[in-house]
PDB file of N, CA and C in Angstrom:
ATOM      1  N   MET A   1     277.399  15.940 111.772  1.00  0.00           N
ATOM      2  CA  MET A   1     277.114  15.717 110.357  1.00  0.00           C
ATOM      3  C   MET A   1     277.220  17.010 109.566  1.00  0.00           C
ATOM      4  N   GLY A   2     277.243  18.135 110.272  1.00  0.00           N
ATOM      5  CA  GLY A   2     277.361  19.425 109.613  1.00  0.00           C
ATOM      6  C   GLY A   2     277.254  20.526 110.638  1.00  0.00           C
ATOM      7  N   ALA A   3     277.579  21.735 110.212  1.00  0.00           N
ATOM      8  CA  ALA A   3     277.575  22.887 111.117  1.00  0.00           C
ATOM      9  C   ALA A   3     276.159  23.196 111.593  1.00  0.00           C
ATOM     10  N   VAL A   4     276.076  23.705 112.821  1.00  0.00           N
ATOM     11  CA  VAL A   4     274.843  24.249 113.381  1.00  0.00           C
ATOM     12  C   VAL A   4     275.125  25.720 113.661  1.00  0.00           C
ATOM     13  N   ILE A   5     274.448  26.597 112.926  1.00  0.00           N
ATOM     14  CA  ILE A   5     274.666  28.040 113.046  1.00  0.00           C
ATOM     15  C   ILE A   5     273.381  28.661 113.585  1.00  0.00           C
ATOM     16  N   ILE A   6     273.497  29.411 114.682  1.00  0.00           N
ATOM     17  CA  ILE A   6     272.332  30.010 115.328  1.00  0.00           C
ATOM     18  C   ILE A   6     272.508  31.520 115.358  1.00  0.00           C
ATOM     19  N   GLY A   7     271.492  32.247 114.885  1.00  0.00           N
ATOM     20  CA  GLY A   7     271.556  33.697 114.777  1.00  0.00           C
ATOM     21  C   GLY A   7     271.374  34.415 116.104  1.00  0.00           C
ATOM     22  N   ASP A   8     271.377  35.722 116.023  1.00  0.00           N
ATOM     23  CA  ASP A   8     271.271  36.602 117.189  1.00  0.00           C
ATOM     24  C   ASP A   8     269.853  36.588 117.772  1.00  0.00           C
ATOM     25  N   ARG A   9     269.785  36.698 119.093  1.00  0.00           N
ATOM     26  CA  ARG A   9     268.527  36.813 119.831  1.00  0.00           C
ATOM     27  C   ARG A   9     267.582  35.636 119.586  1.00  0.00           C
ATOM     28  N   THR A  10     268.120  34.503 119.212  1.00  0.00           N
ATOM     29  CA  THR A  10     267.329  33.298 118.995  1.00  0.00           C
ATOM     30  C   THR A  10     267.256  32.506 120.289  1.00  0.00           C
ATOM     31  N   LEU A  11     266.068  32.019 120.616  1.00  0.00           N
ATOM     32  CA  LEU A  11     265.835  31.259 121.834  1.00  0.00           C
ATOM     33  C   LEU A  11     265.639  29.790 121.491  1.00  0.00           C
ATOM     34  N   VAL A  12     266.433  28.919 122.125  1.00  0.00           N
ATOM     35  CA  VAL A  12     266.353  27.478 121.902  1.00  0.00           C
ATOM     36  C   VAL A  12     265.841  26.842 123.184  1.00  0.00           C
ATOM     37  N   GLY A  13     264.687  26.184 123.112  1.00  0.00           N
ATOM     38  CA  GLY A  13     264.062  25.591 124.282  1.00  0.00           C
ATOM     39  C   GLY A  13     264.795  24.374 124.809  1.00  0.00           C
ATOM     40  N   MET A  14     264.359  23.918 125.975  1.00  0.00           N
ATOM     41  CA  MET A  14     264.963  22.759 126.630  1.00  0.00           C
ATOM     42  C   MET A  14     264.716  21.475 125.834  1.00  0.00           C
ATOM     43  N   SER A  15     265.689  20.586 125.892  1.00  0.00           N
ATOM     44  CA  SER A  15     265.597  19.242 125.313  1.00  0.00           C
ATOM     45  C   SER A  15     265.427  19.248 123.794  1.00  0.00           C
ATOM     46  N   ASN A  16     265.892  20.292 123.124  1.00  0.00           N
ATOM     47  CA  ASN A  16     265.868  20.293 121.668  1.00  0.00           C
ATOM     48  C   ASN A  16     267.064  19.516 121.140  1.00  0.00           C
ATOM     49  N   VAL A  17     266.904  18.912 119.965  1.00  0.00           N
ATOM     50  CA  VAL A  17     267.981  18.188 119.291  1.00  0.00           C
ATOM     51  C   VAL A  17     268.252  18.902 117.973  1.00  0.00           C
ATOM     52  N   LEU A  18     269.471  19.401 117.812  1.00  0.00           N
ATOM     53  CA  LEU A  18     269.851  20.146 116.608  1.00  0.00           C
ATOM     54  C   LEU A  18     271.005  19.405 115.943  1.00  0.00           C
ATOM     55  N   ILE A  19     270.746  18.823 114.773  1.00  0.00           N
ATOM     56  CA  ILE A  19     271.753  18.070 114.031  1.00  0.00           C
ATOM     57  C   ILE A  19     271.942  18.743 112.682  1.00  0.00           C
ATOM     58  N   GLY A  20     273.166  19.153 112.391  1.00  0.00           N
ATOM     59  CA  GLY A  20     273.453  19.857 111.148  1.00  0.00           C
ATOM     60  C   GLY A  20     273.484  18.930 109.955  1.00  0.00           C
ATOM     61  N   PRO A  21     273.609  19.548 108.795  1.00  0.00           N
ATOM     62  CA  PRO A  21     273.770  20.981 108.587  1.00  0.00           C
ATOM     63  C   PRO A  21     272.461  21.738 108.850  1.00  0.00           C
ATOM     64  N   LEU A  22     272.597  22.822 109.610  1.00  0.00           N
ATOM     65  CA  LEU A  22     271.442  23.565 110.075  1.00  0.00           C
ATOM     66  C   LEU A  22     271.815  25.027 110.243  1.00  0.00           C
ATOM     67  N   ARG A  23     270.978  25.923 109.698  1.00  0.00           N
ATOM     68  CA  ARG A  23     271.194  27.361 109.823  1.00  0.00           C
ATOM     69  C   ARG A  23     269.910  27.988 110.340  1.00  0.00           C
ATOM     70  N   ILE A  24     269.987  28.599 111.523  1.00  0.00           N
ATOM     71  CA  ILE A  24     268.838  29.231 112.156  1.00  0.00           C
ATOM     72  C   ILE A  24     269.088  30.731 112.182  1.00  0.00           C
ATOM     73  N   GLY A  25     268.103  31.501 111.755  1.00  0.00           N
ATOM     74  CA  GLY A  25     268.254  32.953 111.646  1.00  0.00           C
ATOM     75  C   GLY A  25     268.138  33.680 112.975  1.00  0.00           C
ATOM     76  N   ASN A  26     267.901  34.971 112.890  1.00  0.00           N
ATOM     77  CA  ASN A  26     267.783  35.867 114.037  1.00  0.00           C
ATOM     78  C   ASN A  26     266.346  35.898 114.559  1.00  0.00           C
ATOM     79  N   ASP A  27     266.220  36.131 115.865  1.00  0.00           N
ATOM     80  CA  ASP A  27     264.913  36.346 116.496  1.00  0.00           C
ATOM     81  C   ASP A  27     263.962  35.166 116.334  1.00  0.00           C
ATOM     82  N   VAL A  28     264.508  33.963 116.296  1.00  0.00           N
ATOM     83  CA  VAL A  28     263.709  32.743 116.190  1.00  0.00           C
ATOM     84  C   VAL A  28     263.356  32.274 117.600  1.00  0.00           C
ATOM     85  N   ILE A  29     262.146  31.759 117.764  1.00  0.00           N
ATOM     86  CA  ILE A  29     261.702  31.179 119.035  1.00  0.00           C
ATOM     87  C   ILE A  29     261.462  29.693 118.796  1.00  0.00           C
ATOM     88  N   MET A  30     262.153  28.860 119.577  1.00  0.00           N
ATOM     89  CA  MET A  30     261.968  27.419 119.490  1.00  0.00           C
ATOM     90  C   MET A  30     261.536  26.906 120.864  1.00  0.00           C
ATOM     91  N   ALA A  31     260.359  26.296 120.944  1.00  0.00           N
ATOM     92  CA  ALA A  31     259.855  25.770 122.205  1.00  0.00           C
ATOM     93  C   ALA A  31     260.642  24.508 122.591  1.00  0.00           C
ATOM     94  N   GLN A  32     260.066  23.639 123.399  1.00  0.00           N
ATOM     95  CA  GLN A  32     260.771  22.481 123.926  1.00  0.00           C
ATOM     96  C   GLN A  32     260.571  21.222 123.074  1.00  0.00           C
ATOM     97  N   ASN A  33     261.540  20.300 123.216  1.00  0.00           N
ATOM     98  CA  ASN A  33     261.456  18.959 122.615  1.00  0.00           C
ATOM     99  C   ASN A  33     261.308  18.976 121.097  1.00  0.00           C
ATOM    100  N   ILE A  34     261.997  19.878 120.441  1.00  0.00           N
ATOM    101  CA  ILE A  34     261.973  19.979 118.979  1.00  0.00           C
ATOM    102  C   ILE A  34     263.173  19.240 118.424  1.00  0.00           C
ATOM    103  N   VAL A  35     262.985  18.566 117.293  1.00  0.00           N
ATOM    104  CA  VAL A  35     264.083  17.902 116.601  1.00  0.00           C
ATOM    105  C   VAL A  35     264.237  18.540 115.227  1.00  0.00           C
ATOM    106  N   LEU A  36     265.440  19.051 114.950  1.00  0.00           N
ATOM    107  CA  LEU A  36     265.805  19.502 113.609  1.00  0.00           C
ATOM    108  C   LEU A  36     266.994  18.650 113.204  1.00  0.00           C
ATOM    109  N   SER A  37     266.822  17.811 112.195  1.00  0.00           N
ATOM    110  CA  SER A  37     267.886  16.887 111.798  1.00  0.00           C
ATOM    111  C   SER A  37     268.149  16.996 110.309  1.00  0.00           C
ATOM    112  N   GLY A  38     269.350  17.456 109.996  1.00  0.00           N
ATOM    113  CA  GLY A  38     269.763  17.589 108.600  1.00  0.00           C
ATOM    114  C   GLY A  38     270.333  16.305 108.017  1.00  0.00           C
ATOM    115  N   LEU A  39     270.169  15.183 108.715  1.00  0.00           N
ATOM    116  CA  LEU A  39     270.715  13.934 108.201  1.00  0.00           C
ATOM    117  C   LEU A  39     269.644  12.864 108.078  1.00  0.00           C
ATOM    118  N   ASN A  40     269.917  11.914 107.218  1.00  0.00           N
ATOM    119  CA  ASN A  40     269.108  10.710 107.065  1.00  0.00           C
ATOM    120  C   ASN A  40     270.034   9.515 107.036  1.00  0.00           C
ATOM    121  N   HIS A  41     269.622   8.439 107.680  1.00  0.00           N
ATOM    122  CA  HIS A  41     270.404   7.201 107.643  1.00  0.00           C
ATOM    123  C   HIS A  41     270.125   6.464 106.343  1.00  0.00           C
ATOM    124  N   GLY A  42     271.177   5.844 105.777  1.00  0.00           N
ATOM    125  CA  GLY A  42     270.999   4.988 104.612  1.00  0.00           C
ATOM    126  C   GLY A  42     270.357   3.677 105.030  1.00  0.00           C
ATOM    127  N   TYR A  43     269.573   3.087 104.149  1.00  0.00           N
ATOM    128  CA  TYR A  43     268.887   1.826 104.466  1.00  0.00           C
ATOM    129  C   TYR A  43     268.694   0.940 103.239  1.00  0.00           C
ATOM    130  N   LEU A  44     269.120   1.414 102.057  1.00  0.00           N
ATOM    131  CA  LEU A  44     268.762   0.747 100.807  1.00  0.00           C
ATOM    132  C   LEU A  44     269.368  -0.638 100.632  1.00  0.00           C
ATOM    133  N   ASP A  45     270.592  -0.860 101.108  1.00  0.00           N
ATOM    134  CA  ASP A  45     271.258  -2.155 100.935  1.00  0.00           C
ATOM    135  C   ASP A  45     270.861  -3.074 102.082  1.00  0.00           C
ATOM    136  N   VAL A  46     269.986  -4.033 101.805  1.00  0.00           N
ATOM    137  CA  VAL A  46     269.472  -4.906 102.858  1.00  0.00           C
ATOM    138  C   VAL A  46     270.512  -5.914 103.347  1.00  0.00           C
ATOM    139  N   LYS A  47     271.653  -6.000 102.686  1.00  0.00           N
ATOM    140  CA  LYS A  47     272.726  -6.908 103.118  1.00  0.00           C
ATOM    141  C   LYS A  47     273.650  -6.248 104.141  1.00  0.00           C
ATOM    142  N   ILE A  48     273.470  -4.957 104.375  1.00  0.00           N
ATOM    143  CA  ILE A  48     274.301  -4.205 105.323  1.00  0.00           C
ATOM    144  C   ILE A  48     273.393  -3.641 106.404  1.00  0.00           C
ATOM    145  N   PRO A  49     273.771  -3.803 107.685  1.00  0.00           N
ATOM    146  CA  PRO A  49     272.951  -3.187 108.741  1.00  0.00           C
ATOM    147  C   PRO A  49     272.804  -1.674 108.512  1.00  0.00           C
ATOM    148  N   ILE A  50     271.651  -1.152 108.825  1.00  0.00           N
ATOM    149  CA  ILE A  50     271.390   0.274 108.622  1.00  0.00           C
ATOM    150  C   ILE A  50     272.450   1.117 109.318  1.00  0.00           C
ATOM    151  N   ARG A  51     272.865   0.733 110.512  1.00  0.00           N
ATOM    152  CA  ARG A  51     273.863   1.518 111.256  1.00  0.00           C
ATOM    153  C   ARG A  51     275.201   1.624 110.537  1.00  0.00           C
ATOM    154  N   ASP A  52     275.482   0.690 109.605  1.00  0.00           N
ATOM    155  CA  ASP A  52     276.747   0.690 108.876  1.00  0.00           C
ATOM    156  C   ASP A  52     276.651   1.348 107.500  1.00  0.00           C
ATOM    157  N   GLN A  53     275.470   1.776 107.111  1.00  0.00           N
ATOM    158  CA  GLN A  53     275.306   2.409 105.809  1.00  0.00           C
ATOM    159  C   GLN A  53     275.572   3.909 105.929  1.00  0.00           C
ATOM    160  N   PRO A  54     276.033   4.515 104.837  1.00  0.00           N
ATOM    161  CA  PRO A  54     276.362   5.945 104.911  1.00  0.00           C
ATOM    162  C   PRO A  54     275.113   6.810 105.107  1.00  0.00           C
ATOM    163  N   CYS A  55     275.318   7.897 105.825  1.00  0.00           N
ATOM    164  CA  CYS A  55     274.260   8.888 106.009  1.00  0.00           C
ATOM    165  C   CYS A  55     274.315   9.905 104.876  1.00  0.00           C
ATOM    166  N   THR A  56     273.179  10.517 104.602  1.00  0.00           N
ATOM    167  CA  THR A  56     273.126  11.638 103.676  1.00  0.00           C
ATOM    168  C   THR A  56     272.716  12.871 104.474  1.00  0.00           C
ATOM    169  N   THR A  57     273.069  14.047 103.965  1.00  0.00           N
ATOM    170  CA  THR A  57     272.705  15.287 104.632  1.00  0.00           C
ATOM    171  C   THR A  57     272.069  16.258 103.647  1.00  0.00           C
ATOM    172  N   ALA A  58     271.212  17.113 104.181  1.00  0.00           N
ATOM    173  CA  ALA A  58     270.618  18.216 103.428  1.00  0.00           C
ATOM    174  C   ALA A  58     270.332  19.322 104.434  1.00  0.00           C
ATOM    175  N   GLU A  59     270.846  20.509 104.170  1.00  0.00           N
ATOM    176  CA  GLU A  59     270.750  21.607 105.136  1.00  0.00           C
ATOM    177  C   GLU A  59     269.311  22.026 105.407  1.00  0.00           C
ATOM    178  N   ILE A  60     269.020  22.241 106.670  1.00  0.00           N
ATOM    179  CA  ILE A  60     267.770  22.864 107.099  1.00  0.00           C
ATOM    180  C   ILE A  60     268.058  24.346 107.291  1.00  0.00           C
ATOM    181  N   VAL A  61     267.158  25.194 106.783  1.00  0.00           N
ATOM    182  CA  VAL A  61     267.285  26.642 106.959  1.00  0.00           C
ATOM    183  C   VAL A  61     266.018  27.149 107.633  1.00  0.00           C
ATOM    184  N   VAL A  62     266.207  27.824 108.760  1.00  0.00           N
ATOM    185  CA  VAL A  62     265.111  28.485 109.459  1.00  0.00           C
ATOM    186  C   VAL A  62     265.396  29.980 109.360  1.00  0.00           C
ATOM    187  N   GLU A  63     264.566  30.693 108.605  1.00  0.00           N
ATOM    188  CA  GLU A  63     264.799  32.112 108.393  1.00  0.00           C
ATOM    189  C   GLU A  63     264.432  32.922 109.640  1.00  0.00           C
ATOM    190  N   ASP A  64     264.639  34.220 109.599  1.00  0.00           N
ATOM    191  CA  ASP A  64     264.415  35.116 110.729  1.00  0.00           C
ATOM    192  C   ASP A  64     262.960  35.115 111.202  1.00  0.00           C
ATOM    193  N   GLU A  65     262.790  35.325 112.510  1.00  0.00           N
ATOM    194  CA  GLU A  65     261.500  35.588 113.155  1.00  0.00           C
ATOM    195  C   GLU A  65     260.531  34.414 113.145  1.00  0.00           C
ATOM    196  N   VAL A  66     261.026  33.205 112.990  1.00  0.00           N
ATOM    197  CA  VAL A  66     260.177  32.015 112.966  1.00  0.00           C
ATOM    198  C   VAL A  66     259.859  31.585 114.393  1.00  0.00           C
ATOM    199  N   TRP A  67     258.680  31.005 114.586  1.00  0.00           N
ATOM    200  CA  TRP A  67     258.294  30.404 115.858  1.00  0.00           C
ATOM    201  C   TRP A  67     257.988  28.936 115.599  1.00  0.00           C
ATOM    202  N   ILE A  68     258.693  28.037 116.305  1.00  0.00           N
ATOM    203  CA  ILE A  68     258.471  26.595 116.167  1.00  0.00           C
ATOM    204  C   ILE A  68     257.925  26.080 117.488  1.00  0.00           C
ATOM    205  N   GLY A  69     256.716  25.492 117.442  1.00  0.00           N
ATOM    206  CA  GLY A  69     256.051  24.996 118.636  1.00  0.00           C
ATOM    207  C   GLY A  69     256.652  23.702 119.165  1.00  0.00           C
ATOM    208  N   ALA A  70     256.343  23.405 120.418  1.00  0.00           N
ATOM    209  CA  ALA A  70     256.881  22.247 121.118  1.00  0.00           C
ATOM    210  C   ALA A  70     256.589  20.933 120.394  1.00  0.00           C
ATOM    211  N   ASN A  71     257.524  19.998 120.541  1.00  0.00           N
ATOM    212  CA  ASN A  71     257.388  18.630 120.036  1.00  0.00           C
ATOM    213  C   ASN A  71     257.285  18.543 118.519  1.00  0.00           C
ATOM    214  N   SER A  72     257.817  19.520 117.808  1.00  0.00           N
ATOM    215  CA  SER A  72     257.821  19.495 116.343  1.00  0.00           C
ATOM    216  C   SER A  72     259.078  18.811 115.830  1.00  0.00           C
ATOM    217  N   VAL A  73     258.987  18.302 114.612  1.00  0.00           N
ATOM    218  CA  VAL A  73     260.113  17.673 113.923  1.00  0.00           C
ATOM    219  C   VAL A  73     260.271  18.366 112.576  1.00  0.00           C
ATOM    220  N   ILE A  74     261.503  18.797 112.278  1.00  0.00           N
ATOM    221  CA  ILE A  74     261.812  19.419 110.996  1.00  0.00           C
ATOM    222  C   ILE A  74     262.805  18.490 110.301  1.00  0.00           C
ATOM    223  N   THR A  75     262.475  18.020 109.107  1.00  0.00           N
ATOM    224  CA  THR A  75     263.302  17.025 108.434  1.00  0.00           C
ATOM    225  C   THR A  75     264.346  17.665 107.514  1.00  0.00           C
ATOM    226  N   ALA A  76     265.315  16.860 107.124  1.00  0.00           N
ATOM    227  CA  ALA A  76     266.450  17.311 106.307  1.00  0.00           C
ATOM    228  C   ALA A  76     265.986  18.007 105.032  1.00  0.00           C
ATOM    229  N   GLY A  77     266.668  19.096 104.702  1.00  0.00           N
ATOM    230  CA  GLY A  77     266.440  19.804 103.442  1.00  0.00           C
ATOM    231  C   GLY A  77     265.307  20.809 103.455  1.00  0.00           C
ATOM    232  N   VAL A  78     264.625  20.991 104.576  1.00  0.00           N
ATOM    233  CA  VAL A  78     263.475  21.898 104.654  1.00  0.00           C
ATOM    234  C   VAL A  78     263.939  23.330 104.888  1.00  0.00           C
ATOM    235  N   ARG A  79     263.238  24.280 104.289  1.00  0.00           N
ATOM    236  CA  ARG A  79     263.432  25.716 104.532  1.00  0.00           C
ATOM    237  C   ARG A  79     262.134  26.256 105.111  1.00  0.00           C
ATOM    238  N   ILE A  80     262.254  26.939 106.254  1.00  0.00           N
ATOM    239  CA  ILE A  80     261.101  27.585 106.871  1.00  0.00           C
ATOM    240  C   ILE A  80     261.275  29.082 106.677  1.00  0.00           C
ATOM    241  N   GLY A  81     260.329  29.687 105.965  1.00  0.00           N
ATOM    242  CA  GLY A  81     260.433  31.087 105.579  1.00  0.00           C
ATOM    243  C   GLY A  81     260.235  32.060 106.731  1.00  0.00           C
ATOM    244  N   ARG A  82     260.640  33.278 106.487  1.00  0.00           N
ATOM    245  CA  ARG A  82     260.599  34.369 107.466  1.00  0.00           C
ATOM    246  C   ARG A  82     259.213  34.510 108.102  1.00  0.00           C
ATOM    247  N   HIS A  83     259.199  34.701 109.422  1.00  0.00           N
ATOM    248  CA  HIS A  83     257.994  34.980 110.208  1.00  0.00           C
ATOM    249  C   HIS A  83     256.925  33.898 110.069  1.00  0.00           C
ATOM    250  N   ALA A  84     257.352  32.680 109.742  1.00  0.00           N
ATOM    251  CA  ALA A  84     256.424  31.546 109.688  1.00  0.00           C
ATOM    252  C   ALA A  84     256.238  30.982 111.086  1.00  0.00           C
ATOM    253  N   VAL A  85     255.150  30.227 111.262  1.00  0.00           N
ATOM    254  CA  VAL A  85     254.851  29.570 112.529  1.00  0.00           C
ATOM    255  C   VAL A  85     254.624  28.091 112.258  1.00  0.00           C
ATOM    256  N   VAL A  86     255.284  27.251 113.061  1.00  0.00           N
ATOM    257  CA  VAL A  86     255.074  25.805 113.000  1.00  0.00           C
ATOM    258  C   VAL A  86     254.321  25.423 114.275  1.00  0.00           C
ATOM    259  N   ALA A  87     253.095  24.929 114.124  1.00  0.00           N
ATOM    260  CA  ALA A  87     252.280  24.558 115.278  1.00  0.00           C
ATOM    261  C   ALA A  87     252.915  23.398 116.032  1.00  0.00           C
ATOM    262  N   GLY A  88     252.714  23.374 117.337  1.00  0.00           N
ATOM    263  CA  GLY A  88     253.258  22.312 118.169  1.00  0.00           C
ATOM    264  C   GLY A  88     252.855  20.937 117.661  1.00  0.00           C
ATOM    265  N   GLY A  89     253.789  19.984 117.748  1.00  0.00           N
ATOM    266  CA  GLY A  89     253.528  18.613 117.344  1.00  0.00           C
ATOM    267  C   GLY A  89     253.575  18.355 115.859  1.00  0.00           C
ATOM    268  N   SER A  90     253.966  19.330 115.078  1.00  0.00           N
ATOM    269  CA  SER A  90     253.983  19.176 113.623  1.00  0.00           C
ATOM    270  C   SER A  90     255.216  18.414 113.152  1.00  0.00           C
ATOM    271  N   VAL A  91     255.070  17.744 112.012  1.00  0.00           N
ATOM    272  CA  VAL A  91     256.186  17.104 111.334  1.00  0.00           C
ATOM    273  C   VAL A  91     256.317  17.797 109.980  1.00  0.00           C
ATOM    274  N   VAL A  92     257.388  18.594 109.831  1.00  0.00           N
ATOM    275  CA  VAL A  92     257.567  19.418 108.634  1.00  0.00           C
ATOM    276  C   VAL A  92     258.489  18.691 107.662  1.00  0.00           C
ATOM    277  N   THR A  93     257.930  18.290 106.529  1.00  0.00           N
ATOM    278  CA  THR A  93     258.673  17.539 105.515  1.00  0.00           C
ATOM    279  C   THR A  93     258.856  18.313 104.218  1.00  0.00           C
ATOM    280  N   LYS A  94     258.184  19.471 104.121  1.00  0.00           N
ATOM    281  CA  LYS A  94     258.274  20.312 102.919  1.00  0.00           C
ATOM    282  C   LYS A  94     258.531  21.749 103.337  1.00  0.00           C
ATOM    283  N   ASP A  95     259.054  22.542 102.410  1.00  0.00           N
ATOM    284  CA  ASP A  95     259.332  23.950 102.687  1.00  0.00           C
ATOM    285  C   ASP A  95     258.078  24.688 103.143  1.00  0.00           C
ATOM    286  N   VAL A  96     258.287  25.660 104.030  1.00  0.00           N
ATOM    287  CA  VAL A  96     257.207  26.499 104.539  1.00  0.00           C
ATOM    288  C   VAL A  96     257.424  27.905 103.991  1.00  0.00           C
ATOM    289  N   PRO A  97     256.466  28.443 103.236  1.00  0.00           N
ATOM    290  CA  PRO A  97     256.632  29.798 102.706  1.00  0.00           C
ATOM    291  C   PRO A  97     256.700  30.832 103.829  1.00  0.00           C
ATOM    292  N   PRO A  98     257.316  31.986 103.564  1.00  0.00           N
ATOM    293  CA  PRO A  98     257.304  33.068 104.549  1.00  0.00           C
ATOM    294  C   PRO A  98     255.872  33.454 104.934  1.00  0.00           C
ATOM    295  N   TYR A  99     255.695  33.910 106.170  1.00  0.00           N
ATOM    296  CA  TYR A  99     254.411  34.424 106.662  1.00  0.00           C
ATOM    297  C   TYR A  99     253.285  33.403 106.514  1.00  0.00           C
ATOM    298  N   THR A 100     253.599  32.147 106.840  1.00  0.00           N
ATOM    299  CA  THR A 100     252.625  31.063 106.750  1.00  0.00           C
ATOM    300  C   THR A 100     252.634  30.279 108.052  1.00  0.00           C
ATOM    301  N   ILE A 101     251.446  29.851 108.494  1.00  0.00           N
ATOM    302  CA  ILE A 101     251.314  28.981 109.654  1.00  0.00           C
ATOM    303  C   ILE A 101     251.040  27.577 109.139  1.00  0.00           C
ATOM    304  N   VAL A 102     251.838  26.609 109.617  1.00  0.00           N
ATOM    305  CA  VAL A 102     251.629  25.213 109.227  1.00  0.00           C
ATOM    306  C   VAL A 102     251.390  24.377 110.476  1.00  0.00           C
ATOM    307  N   GLY A 103     250.706  23.236 110.290  1.00  0.00           N
ATOM    308  CA  GLY A 103     250.488  22.324 111.392  1.00  0.00           C
ATOM    309  C   GLY A 103     250.096  20.961 110.892  1.00  0.00           C
ATOM    310  N   GLY A 104     250.307  19.954 111.744  1.00  0.00           N
ATOM    311  CA  GLY A 104     249.885  18.600 111.436  1.00  0.00           C
ATOM    312  C   GLY A 104     251.040  17.678 111.109  1.00  0.00           C
ATOM    313  N   ASN A 105     250.681  16.442 110.759  1.00  0.00           N
ATOM    314  CA  ASN A 105     251.639  15.406 110.389  1.00  0.00           C
ATOM    315  C   ASN A 105     251.099  14.658 109.179  1.00  0.00           C
ATOM    316  N   PRO A 106     251.669  14.948 108.003  1.00  0.00           N
ATOM    317  CA  PRO A 106     252.694  15.959 107.739  1.00  0.00           C
ATOM    318  C   PRO A 106     252.092  17.371 107.807  1.00  0.00           C
ATOM    319  N   ALA A 107     252.949  18.336 108.105  1.00  0.00           N
ATOM    320  CA  ALA A 107     252.490  19.719 108.228  1.00  0.00           C
ATOM    321  C   ALA A 107     251.959  20.233 106.900  1.00  0.00           C
ATOM    322  N   ARG A 108     250.876  21.000 106.992  1.00  0.00           N
ATOM    323  CA  ARG A 108     250.304  21.640 105.806  1.00  0.00           C
ATOM    324  C   ARG A 108     249.926  23.068 106.178  1.00  0.00           C
ATOM    325  N   PRO A 109     249.838  23.952 105.192  1.00  0.00           N
ATOM    326  CA  PRO A 109     249.483  25.350 105.490  1.00  0.00           C
ATOM    327  C   PRO A 109     248.089  25.460 106.100  1.00  0.00           C
ATOM    328  N   LEU A 110     247.987  26.255 107.174  1.00  0.00           N
ATOM    329  CA  LEU A 110     246.715  26.514 107.833  1.00  0.00           C
ATOM    330  C   LEU A 110     246.251  27.953 107.614  1.00  0.00           C
ATOM    331  N   LYS A 111     247.203  28.893 107.732  1.00  0.00           N
ATOM    332  CA  LYS A 111     246.912  30.312 107.516  1.00  0.00           C
ATOM    333  C   LYS A 111     248.103  30.965 106.827  1.00  0.00           C
ATOM    334  N   ALA A 112     247.831  32.070 106.148  1.00  0.00           N
ATOM    335  CA  ALA A 112     248.886  32.869 105.515  1.00  0.00           C
ATOM    336  C   ALA A 112     248.547  34.340 105.709  1.00  0.00           C
ATOM    337  N   TYR A 113     249.585  35.146 105.846  1.00  0.00           N
ATOM    338  CA  TYR A 113     249.395  36.576 106.046  1.00  0.00           C
ATOM    339  C   TYR A 113     249.115  37.248 104.715  1.00  0.00           C
ATOM    340  N   ASN A 114     248.083  38.079 104.679  1.00  0.00           N
ATOM    341  CA  ASN A 114     247.738  38.842 103.486  1.00  0.00           C
ATOM    342  C   ASN A 114     248.151  40.291 103.722  1.00  0.00           C
ATOM    343  N   PRO A 115     249.222  40.750 103.043  1.00  0.00           N
ATOM    344  CA  PRO A 115     249.691  42.112 103.278  1.00  0.00           C
ATOM    345  C   PRO A 115     248.698  43.184 102.838  1.00  0.00           C
ATOM    346  N   GLU A 116     247.796  42.858 101.920  1.00  0.00           N
ATOM    347  CA  GLU A 116     246.811  43.845 101.465  1.00  0.00           C
ATOM    348  C   GLU A 116     245.778  44.148 102.542  1.00  0.00           C
ATOM    349  N   THR A 117     245.373  43.123 103.307  1.00  0.00           N
ATOM    350  CA  THR A 117     244.363  43.321 104.349  1.00  0.00           C
ATOM    351  C   THR A 117     244.976  43.428 105.737  1.00  0.00           C
ATOM    352  N   GLY A 118     246.241  43.024 105.863  1.00  0.00           N
ATOM    353  CA  GLY A 118     246.890  43.036 107.167  1.00  0.00           C
ATOM    354  C   GLY A 118     246.356  41.955 108.096  1.00  0.00           C
ATOM    355  N   GLN A 119     245.813  40.874 107.512  1.00  0.00           N
ATOM    356  CA  GLN A 119     245.221  39.808 108.316  1.00  0.00           C
ATOM    357  C   GLN A 119     245.822  38.452 107.957  1.00  0.00           C
ATOM    358  N   TRP A 120     245.754  37.542 108.954  1.00  0.00           N
ATOM    359  CA  TRP A 120     246.120  36.143 108.732  1.00  0.00           C
ATOM    360  C   TRP A 120     244.853  35.426 108.274  1.00  0.00           C
ATOM    361  N   LEU A 121     244.882  34.859 107.083  1.00  0.00           N
ATOM    362  CA  LEU A 121     243.694  34.235 106.504  1.00  0.00           C
ATOM    363  C   LEU A 121     243.869  32.723 106.391  1.00  0.00           C
ATOM    364  N   ARG A 122     242.779  32.006 106.651  1.00  0.00           N
ATOM    365  CA  ARG A 122     242.791  30.555 106.550  1.00  0.00           C
ATOM    366  C   ARG A 122     243.099  30.125 105.115  1.00  0.00           C
ATOM    367  N   VAL A 123     243.915  29.076 104.989  1.00  0.00           N
ATOM    368  CA  VAL A 123     244.267  28.527 103.683  1.00  0.00           C
ATOM    369  C   VAL A 123     243.322  27.370 103.395  1.00  0.00           C
ATOM    370  N   ALA A 124     242.749  27.338 102.206  1.00  0.00           N
ATOM    371  CA  ALA A 124     241.853  26.254 101.829  1.00  0.00           C
ATOM    372  C   ALA A 124     242.633  24.941 101.745  1.00  0.00           C
ATOM    373  N   PRO A 125     242.066  23.845 102.278  1.00  0.00           N
ATOM    374  CA  PRO A 125     242.782  22.568 102.190  1.00  0.00           C
ATOM    375  C   PRO A 125     242.889  22.108 100.742  1.00  0.00           C
ATOM    376  N   PRO A 126     243.917  21.291 100.431  1.00  0.00           N
ATOM    377  CA  PRO A 126     244.048  20.797  99.060  1.00  0.00           C
ATOM    378  C   PRO A 126     242.835  19.962  98.658  1.00  0.00           C
ATOM    379  N   ALA A 127     242.552  19.909  97.380  1.00  0.00           N
ATOM    380  CA  ALA A 127     241.368  19.226  96.860  1.00  0.00           C
ATOM    381  C   ALA A 127     241.351  17.739  97.202  1.00  0.00           C
ATOM    382  N   ASP A 128     242.535  17.134  97.382  1.00  0.00           N
ATOM    383  CA  ASP A 128     242.579  15.689  97.626  1.00  0.00           C
ATOM    384  C   ASP A 128     242.440  15.315  99.093  1.00  0.00           C
ATOM    385  N   SER A 129     242.148  16.267  99.984  1.00  0.00           N
ATOM    386  CA  SER A 129     242.041  15.903 101.404  1.00  0.00           C
ATOM    387  C   SER A 129     240.615  15.769 101.853  1.00  0.00           C
TER     388      SER A 129
END
């Protein structure tokens, strides 16, 4: 469905599924059983079987130095920022800012790096949770 580009010194774990369009940066660590899929199946026309409807694509970008934990899913069009961490088992449906740890289904920010203190600080949950 699109190119899969993998940067230098990037480690791809066993049983990962990489479907383009997908661009992975340098020094990325990907554990096992991860799915990154830059495509979505069409389903809107109920008179046509889903398998016969056109697919859409949106590039996934994984910037440098990212760590993606086992059994995670990254959906089409998502950008994961530099030195971010995706906790194992997460489903990432929205962009992840650089230097942020996300987790859950759907993934939400858990911690962010504070350059002023040099520490990873817990992110307050959104008011509606």
